[in-house]
Amino acid sequence: MISDPAGIHLLDWALIDEQLDTEGYALLPGLLQPQETDDLLALIPEMTATPLAASNLGHGELFYFDAVFPAALKAARAALYCHLVSAANRWNTALGTGCRYPEDLDSFVARCHQAGQTQTVSHLSRLRRAGHVVLHQRADGEQIFPFQLVALLAEPGKDFTGGEFVMTEQRPRMQSRPIVVPLRRGDAAIISTAQRPVKGAKAWYRVNLKHAIGTVRGGERIGLTLSFHDAPV
C-alpha cells in the first residue's frame, strides 16, 4: 500500500482517529506488502549508518533518508499527513495551543524549514544482538507534528527474537502506563510523537508519551520510522 498512496485513502480513518484519541496509537496491519519491505531493505547498502550510541539513543544503527528518499515513500507520507492533519489540529485545540497545521505536507515542511528545521528525521533502523532503542521522543524544534509512523520490515521469531516495540504514557500524578505495540513484518502503527490530550472529569489534560525498542536477543531487526516534521540542524 505504501507504493499505492490511493490505498491509504481507503483505510478506516474513523477507526484510526478513535484509536489515536483513546490509546495514543493506531495499528495498521499489513500496511506494507512483502515486495515493499524488500524494496526498503534493499536501500540500506546505499545509505550511511549513524550509530544510535552517538546520540545516546541505544545500541544499533539508523539510516536517515537524507539523500535516498524513495518517491513512493514520499507520496505515502504526504497522503498520511492529509488524513492525520485534522486529528492533529483537534489535539491542539483540546490542549489549548494556538498552532494550526496546514492542510498539505509541503506547506508544513516549508514551515519547518523557515524555523531552521531542515534535518531529516525519517529513517530505517537496524538492531542486531543486544541492540535496543531507549525510551525517547523525537520532538526537537518549534514545529512538531504530533504523529509519526513506525513499521516493521523483519519477521519476529524468524528474522529476530526480542526487539518488541513499546511505549510509556505518563499521566499527571499517576504511575506510567506501559504499552506493547504488537507488530509483524509489514505491520505499521501511527503513534503519538510526544504528547496527547486526555479528557478528564472537568477538562482536557496533557499526557506525555515515549517509545522504545526492547533488546534484540538474536538475529536482525529492521524497522522504518516515518516522521512528518524535520529537526533542527
Protein backbone atom coordinates (compact mmCIF):
# COMPACT_ATOMS: atom_id res chain seq x y z
CA MET A 1 0.00 0.00 0.00
CA ILE A 2 2.98 2.33 0.53
CA SER A 3 3.59 2.04 -3.23
CA ASP A 4 -0.06 2.98 -3.86
CA PRO A 5 -0.94 6.08 -1.82
CA ALA A 6 -4.51 5.81 -3.12
CA GLY A 7 -4.86 2.76 -0.89
CA ILE A 8 -4.08 4.89 2.15
CA HIS A 9 -7.28 6.84 1.49
CA LEU A 10 -9.23 3.55 1.75
CA LEU A 11 -8.12 2.85 5.33
CA ASP A 12 -10.77 3.12 8.05
CA TRP A 13 -9.80 6.60 9.17
CA ALA A 14 -12.76 6.94 11.54
CA LEU A 15 -11.47 3.90 13.45
CA ILE A 16 -7.87 5.15 13.29
CA ASP A 17 -8.92 8.53 14.74
CA GLU A 18 -10.81 6.74 17.53
CA GLN A 19 -7.77 4.60 18.40
CA LEU A 20 -5.49 7.63 18.40
CA ASP A 21 -7.83 9.52 20.74
CA THR A 22 -8.32 6.62 23.17
CA GLU A 23 -4.91 4.90 23.12
CA GLY A 24 -2.42 7.35 21.61
CA TYR A 25 -1.62 4.95 18.78
CA ALA A 26 -3.37 3.07 15.97
CA LEU A 27 -2.35 -0.23 14.38
CA LEU A 28 -2.23 -0.58 10.57
CA PRO A 29 -1.79 -4.34 9.99
CA GLY A 30 -0.23 -5.30 6.67
CA LEU A 31 0.30 -1.72 5.51
CA LEU A 32 3.45 -2.78 3.63
CA GLN A 33 3.38 -5.65 1.16
CA PRO A 34 6.34 -8.11 1.09
CA GLN A 35 7.80 -6.51 -2.04
CA GLU A 36 7.59 -3.08 -0.41
CA THR A 37 9.50 -4.25 2.64
CA ASP A 38 12.11 -5.88 0.36
CA ASP A 39 12.48 -2.63 -1.60
CA LEU A 40 13.13 -0.70 1.60
CA LEU A 41 15.62 -3.28 2.85
CA ALA A 42 17.50 -3.00 -0.45
CA LEU A 43 18.16 0.69 0.26
CA ILE A 44 20.36 0.06 3.29
CA PRO A 45 23.62 -0.61 1.35
CA GLU A 46 23.16 2.80 -0.34
CA MET A 47 22.65 4.67 2.94
CA THR A 48 25.02 5.99 5.59
CA ALA A 49 24.84 4.35 9.01
CA THR A 50 24.56 6.57 12.08
CA PRO A 51 25.28 4.77 15.39
CA LEU A 52 22.49 5.09 17.93
CA ALA A 53 25.17 5.49 20.59
CA ALA A 54 26.20 8.81 19.01
CA SER A 55 23.01 10.40 20.33
CA ASN A 56 22.68 8.20 23.44
CA LEU A 57 19.60 6.51 21.97
CA GLY A 58 20.75 2.93 22.42
CA HIS A 59 22.78 0.38 20.52
CA GLY A 60 22.35 -0.17 16.78
CA GLU A 61 22.27 1.84 13.57
CA LEU A 62 20.00 4.41 11.98
CA PHE A 63 19.88 5.12 8.24
CA TYR A 64 18.39 8.56 7.58
CA PHE A 65 16.66 9.35 4.29
CA ASP A 66 18.89 12.35 3.63
CA ALA A 67 19.99 11.51 0.10
CA VAL A 68 17.79 8.47 -0.56
CA PHE A 69 14.06 9.05 -0.07
CA PRO A 70 12.02 6.77 -2.33
CA ALA A 71 9.34 8.59 -4.32
CA ALA A 72 6.67 6.08 -3.26
CA LEU A 73 7.51 6.61 0.40
CA LYS A 74 7.37 10.39 -0.01
CA ALA A 75 3.96 10.10 -1.67
CA ALA A 76 2.68 7.83 1.11
CA ARG A 77 3.97 10.28 3.72
CA ALA A 78 2.05 13.11 2.06
CA ALA A 79 -1.13 11.00 1.85
CA LEU A 80 -0.89 10.00 5.51
CA TYR A 81 -0.39 13.62 6.55
CA CYS A 82 -3.56 14.69 4.72
CA HIS A 83 -5.61 12.28 6.84
CA LEU A 84 -3.81 12.98 10.12
CA VAL A 85 -3.85 16.77 10.00
CA SER A 86 -7.46 17.07 11.19
CA ALA A 87 -6.69 14.92 14.25
CA ALA A 88 -3.51 16.94 14.85
CA ASN A 89 -5.46 20.20 14.83
CA ARG A 90 -8.16 18.67 17.05
CA TRP A 91 -5.50 17.66 19.58
CA ASN A 92 -4.01 21.16 19.59
CA THR A 93 -7.46 22.66 20.18
CA ALA A 94 -8.03 20.31 23.12
CA LEU A 95 -4.62 21.22 24.56
CA GLY A 96 -5.31 24.93 24.16
CA THR A 97 -2.42 25.66 21.80
CA GLY A 98 -2.80 28.21 19.04
CA CYS A 99 -0.93 26.16 16.44
CA ARG A 100 -2.87 25.07 13.36
CA TYR A 101 -1.24 22.75 10.85
CA PRO A 102 -1.65 23.46 7.12
CA GLU A 103 -3.70 21.05 5.04
CA ASP A 104 -0.80 19.69 2.95
CA LEU A 105 2.60 18.31 3.91
CA ASP A 106 4.64 20.55 1.59
CA SER A 107 3.32 23.65 3.37
CA PHE A 108 4.15 22.18 6.77
CA VAL A 109 7.68 21.15 5.69
CA ALA A 110 8.20 24.70 4.38
CA ARG A 111 7.17 25.98 7.82
CA CYS A 112 9.73 23.64 9.42
CA HIS A 113 12.47 24.94 7.14
CA GLN A 114 11.56 28.55 7.91
CA ALA A 115 12.06 27.68 11.59
CA GLY A 116 15.53 26.27 10.83
CA GLN A 117 14.41 22.63 10.93
CA THR A 118 15.95 21.04 7.84
CA GLN A 119 17.37 17.76 9.15
CA THR A 120 15.50 14.63 8.07
CA VAL A 121 14.07 12.59 10.94
CA SER A 122 12.63 9.69 8.90
CA HIS A 123 14.92 6.66 8.87
CA LEU A 124 15.44 2.92 8.79
CA SER A 125 16.81 1.23 11.91
CA ARG A 126 18.90 -1.93 12.19
CA LEU A 127 19.33 -3.71 15.51
CA ARG A 128 21.37 -6.86 15.92
CA ARG A 129 22.01 -8.99 19.02
CA ALA A 130 21.94 -6.78 22.17
CA GLY A 131 20.68 -3.86 20.06
CA HIS A 132 17.96 -1.67 21.55
CA VAL A 133 16.48 1.83 21.49
CA VAL A 134 15.95 3.63 24.80
CA LEU A 135 12.75 5.44 25.74
CA HIS A 136 12.74 8.74 23.90
CA GLN A 137 10.84 11.32 21.87
CA ARG A 138 11.84 12.96 18.58
CA ALA A 139 10.34 16.34 19.41
CA ASP A 140 13.15 18.85 18.96
CA GLY A 141 12.31 22.21 17.43
CA GLU A 142 9.48 24.71 17.28
CA GLN A 143 7.45 22.81 14.65
CA ILE A 144 6.46 19.32 15.81
CA PHE A 145 3.77 17.17 14.23
CA PRO A 146 2.03 15.10 16.92
CA PHE A 147 2.06 11.81 14.97
CA GLN A 148 4.64 9.58 13.35
CA LEU A 149 4.51 6.17 11.70
CA VAL A 150 6.59 3.15 12.66
CA ALA A 151 6.71 -0.12 10.71
CA LEU A 152 8.49 -3.46 10.98
CA LEU A 153 10.41 -4.81 7.98
CA ALA A 154 11.56 -8.11 9.52
CA GLU A 155 9.61 -11.07 10.88
CA PRO A 156 9.65 -11.68 14.65
CA GLY A 157 10.58 -15.23 15.57
CA LYS A 158 12.14 -15.82 12.15
CA ASP A 159 14.49 -12.92 11.39
CA PHE A 160 14.99 -11.88 15.02
CA THR A 161 13.87 -12.51 18.59
CA GLY A 162 13.13 -9.89 21.24
CA GLY A 163 13.01 -6.33 19.94
CA GLU A 164 9.43 -5.53 20.97
CA PHE A 165 8.14 -2.03 20.24
CA VAL A 166 6.99 -0.43 23.48
CA MET A 167 5.57 2.89 24.65
CA THR A 168 5.04 4.51 28.03
CA GLU A 169 2.37 7.05 28.89
CA GLN A 170 2.77 9.32 31.91
CA ARG A 171 -0.40 10.95 33.22
CA PRO A 172 -0.23 13.60 35.97
CA ARG A 173 0.00 12.11 39.49
CA MET A 174 -0.31 8.56 38.15
CA GLN A 175 2.03 5.64 37.52
CA SER A 176 3.40 5.32 33.98
CA ARG A 177 1.34 3.06 31.75
CA PRO A 178 3.39 0.59 29.65
CA ILE A 179 2.11 -0.28 26.17
CA VAL A 180 3.43 -3.08 23.96
CA VAL A 181 2.57 -2.50 20.29
CA PRO A 182 2.35 -5.89 18.51
CA LEU A 183 3.98 -5.71 15.07
CA ARG A 184 4.68 -8.37 12.45
CA ARG A 185 6.60 -7.91 9.20
CA GLY A 186 4.75 -5.32 7.11
CA ASP A 187 2.65 -4.01 10.01
CA ALA A 188 2.74 -0.35 10.92
CA ALA A 189 1.42 1.86 13.70
CA ILE A 190 0.69 5.56 13.92
CA ILE A 191 1.95 6.71 17.32
CA SER A 192 1.97 9.93 19.29
CA THR A 193 5.22 11.80 18.83
CA ALA A 194 5.38 13.22 22.34
CA GLN A 195 2.14 14.41 23.95
CA ARG A 196 -1.58 13.91 23.56
CA PRO A 197 -4.77 15.22 25.17
CA VAL A 198 -6.89 13.10 27.51
CA LYS A 199 -10.38 14.09 28.65
CA GLY A 200 -10.59 14.42 32.41
CA ALA A 201 -13.62 14.84 34.65
CA LYS A 202 -13.54 18.62 34.27
CA ALA A 203 -11.18 19.44 31.42
CA TRP A 204 -8.60 18.13 28.96
CA TYR A 205 -5.14 17.46 30.28
CA ARG A 206 -1.80 16.68 28.68
CA VAL A 207 -0.09 13.27 28.88
CA ASN A 208 3.48 12.54 27.90
CA LEU A 209 4.47 9.54 25.74
CA LYS A 210 7.82 7.99 24.94
CA HIS A 211 8.67 4.95 22.84
CA ALA A 212 11.47 2.39 22.70
CA ILE A 213 12.53 -0.94 21.22
CA GLY A 214 13.40 -3.74 23.60
CA THR A 215 16.68 -5.64 23.44
CA VAL A 216 17.12 -7.90 20.43
CA ARG A 217 18.15 -11.35 21.67
CA GLY A 218 19.20 -12.70 18.28
CA GLY A 219 19.05 -12.07 14.55
CA GLU A 220 18.49 -8.72 12.89
CA ARG A 221 15.52 -6.39 13.43
CA ILE A 222 14.96 -3.71 10.77
CA GLY A 223 12.28 -1.08 11.10
CA LEU A 224 11.01 2.10 9.49
CA THR A 225 10.20 5.41 11.17
CA LEU A 226 8.36 7.98 9.07
CA SER A 227 8.18 11.46 10.58
CA PHE A 228 6.28 14.43 9.21
CA HIS A 229 8.46 17.19 10.66
CA ASP A 230 12.16 17.88 10.22
CA ALA A 231 14.55 18.58 13.10
CA PRO A 232 16.92 21.48 13.83
CA VAL A 233 20.37 21.01 12.33
